Amino acid sequence: MYEPEQFPGLIYRMEIPKVVILLFASGKLVCTGAKKEEDVYTAVSILHALLEEKSLIFYE
């Protein structure tokens, strides 16, 4: 969900692993709700692959 008028970041809720990622235009992100450190790495990896698949990541 992305509503910049209410919150300046994208809120992405994942089922597996059960985490919430807040992604900001600066490229920074916050991952909350993970039970294990491994879940954070898995969630970020999945999100990265999804953003690349949709051509939403730009490398300079």
C-alpha atoms as a PDB file:
ATOM      1  CA  MET A   1       0.000   0.000   0.000  1.00  0.00           C
ATOM      2  CA  TYR A   2       1.422   3.398  -0.961  1.00  0.00           C
ATOM      3  CA  GLU A   3      -0.373   6.543   0.145  1.00  0.00           C
ATOM      4  CA  PRO A   4       2.233   9.338   0.262  1.00  0.00           C
ATOM      5  CA  GLU A   5      -0.291  11.816   1.677  1.00  0.00           C
ATOM      6  CA  GLN A   6      -0.574   9.696   4.842  1.00  0.00           C
ATOM      7  CA  PHE A   7       2.885   8.076   5.038  1.00  0.00           C
ATOM      8  CA  PRO A   8       5.942   8.685   2.815  1.00  0.00           C
ATOM      9  CA  GLY A   9       6.826   5.009   2.387  1.00  0.00           C
ATOM     10  CA  LEU A  10       5.523   1.868   0.780  1.00  0.00           C
ATOM     11  CA  ILE A  11       4.077  -0.620   3.276  1.00  0.00           C
ATOM     12  CA  TYR A  12       4.611  -4.185   2.064  1.00  0.00           C
ATOM     13  CA  ARG A  13       3.145  -7.012   4.162  1.00  0.00           C
ATOM     14  CA  MET A  14       4.506 -10.505   3.532  1.00  0.00           C
ATOM     15  CA  GLU A  15       2.871 -13.750   4.578  1.00  0.00           C
ATOM     16  CA  ILE A  16       5.980 -15.939   4.413  1.00  0.00           C
ATOM     17  CA  PRO A  17       8.029 -14.900   6.254  1.00  0.00           C
ATOM     18  CA  LYS A  18       5.499 -12.951   8.282  1.00  0.00           C
ATOM     19  CA  VAL A  19       7.080  -9.487   8.220  1.00  0.00           C
ATOM     20  CA  VAL A  20       6.219  -5.930   7.233  1.00  0.00           C
ATOM     21  CA  ILE A  21       8.690  -3.929   5.153  1.00  0.00           C
ATOM     22  CA  LEU A  22       8.564  -0.145   4.987  1.00  0.00           C
ATOM     23  CA  LEU A  23      10.329   1.000   1.806  1.00  0.00           C
ATOM     24  CA  PHE A  24      11.193   4.666   1.283  1.00  0.00           C
ATOM     25  CA  ALA A  25      12.066   6.625  -1.883  1.00  0.00           C
ATOM     26  CA  SER A  26      15.613   7.066  -0.548  1.00  0.00           C
ATOM     27  CA  GLY A  27      16.077   3.307  -0.923  1.00  0.00           C
ATOM     28  CA  LYS A  28      16.189   2.712   2.808  1.00  0.00           C
ATOM     29  CA  LEU A  29      13.895   0.151   4.352  1.00  0.00           C
ATOM     30  CA  VAL A  30      12.715  -1.025   7.736  1.00  0.00           C
ATOM     31  CA  CYS A  31      11.753  -4.642   8.339  1.00  0.00           C
ATOM     32  CA  THR A  32       9.576  -5.407  11.355  1.00  0.00           C
ATOM     33  CA  GLY A  33       7.922  -8.476  12.802  1.00  0.00           C
ATOM     34  CA  ALA A  34      10.622 -11.026  12.022  1.00  0.00           C
ATOM     35  CA  LYS A  35      11.083 -13.789  14.574  1.00  0.00           C
ATOM     36  CA  LYS A  36      14.605 -14.660  13.397  1.00  0.00           C
ATOM     37  CA  GLU A  37      17.397 -12.731  11.707  1.00  0.00           C
ATOM     38  CA  GLU A  38      17.196 -15.242   8.853  1.00  0.00           C
ATOM     39  CA  ASP A  39      13.608 -14.103   8.188  1.00  0.00           C
ATOM     40  CA  VAL A  40      14.858 -10.550   7.565  1.00  0.00           C
ATOM     41  CA  TYR A  41      17.370 -11.710   4.949  1.00  0.00           C
ATOM     42  CA  THR A  42      14.753 -13.904   3.283  1.00  0.00           C
ATOM     43  CA  ALA A  43      12.159 -11.108   3.177  1.00  0.00           C
ATOM     44  CA  VAL A  44      14.574  -8.530   1.758  1.00  0.00           C
ATOM     45  CA  SER A  45      15.780 -11.019  -0.842  1.00  0.00           C
ATOM     46  CA  ILE A  46      12.204 -11.780  -1.939  1.00  0.00           C
ATOM     47  CA  LEU A  47      11.343  -8.076  -2.134  1.00  0.00           C
ATOM     48  CA  HIS A  48      14.514  -7.321  -4.110  1.00  0.00           C
ATOM     49  CA  ALA A  49      13.704 -10.062  -6.637  1.00  0.00           C
ATOM     50  CA  LEU A  50      10.118  -8.806  -6.961  1.00  0.00           C
ATOM     51  CA  LEU A  51      11.215  -5.204  -7.558  1.00  0.00           C
ATOM     52  CA  GLU A  52      13.757  -6.318 -10.187  1.00  0.00           C
ATOM     53  CA  GLU A  53      11.134  -8.490 -11.899  1.00  0.00           C
ATOM     54  CA  LYS A  54       8.792  -5.494 -12.145  1.00  0.00           C
ATOM     55  CA  SER A  55      11.650  -3.185 -13.313  1.00  0.00           C
ATOM     56  CA  LEU A  56      11.194  -0.936 -10.293  1.00  0.00           C
ATOM     57  CA  ILE A  57      14.878  -0.853  -9.279  1.00  0.00           C
ATOM     58  CA  PHE A  58      17.213   1.569 -10.996  1.00  0.00           C
ATOM     59  CA  TYR A  59      20.983   1.228 -10.671  1.00  0.00           C
ATOM     60  CA  GLU A  60      23.168   4.260 -11.283  1.00  0.00           C
END
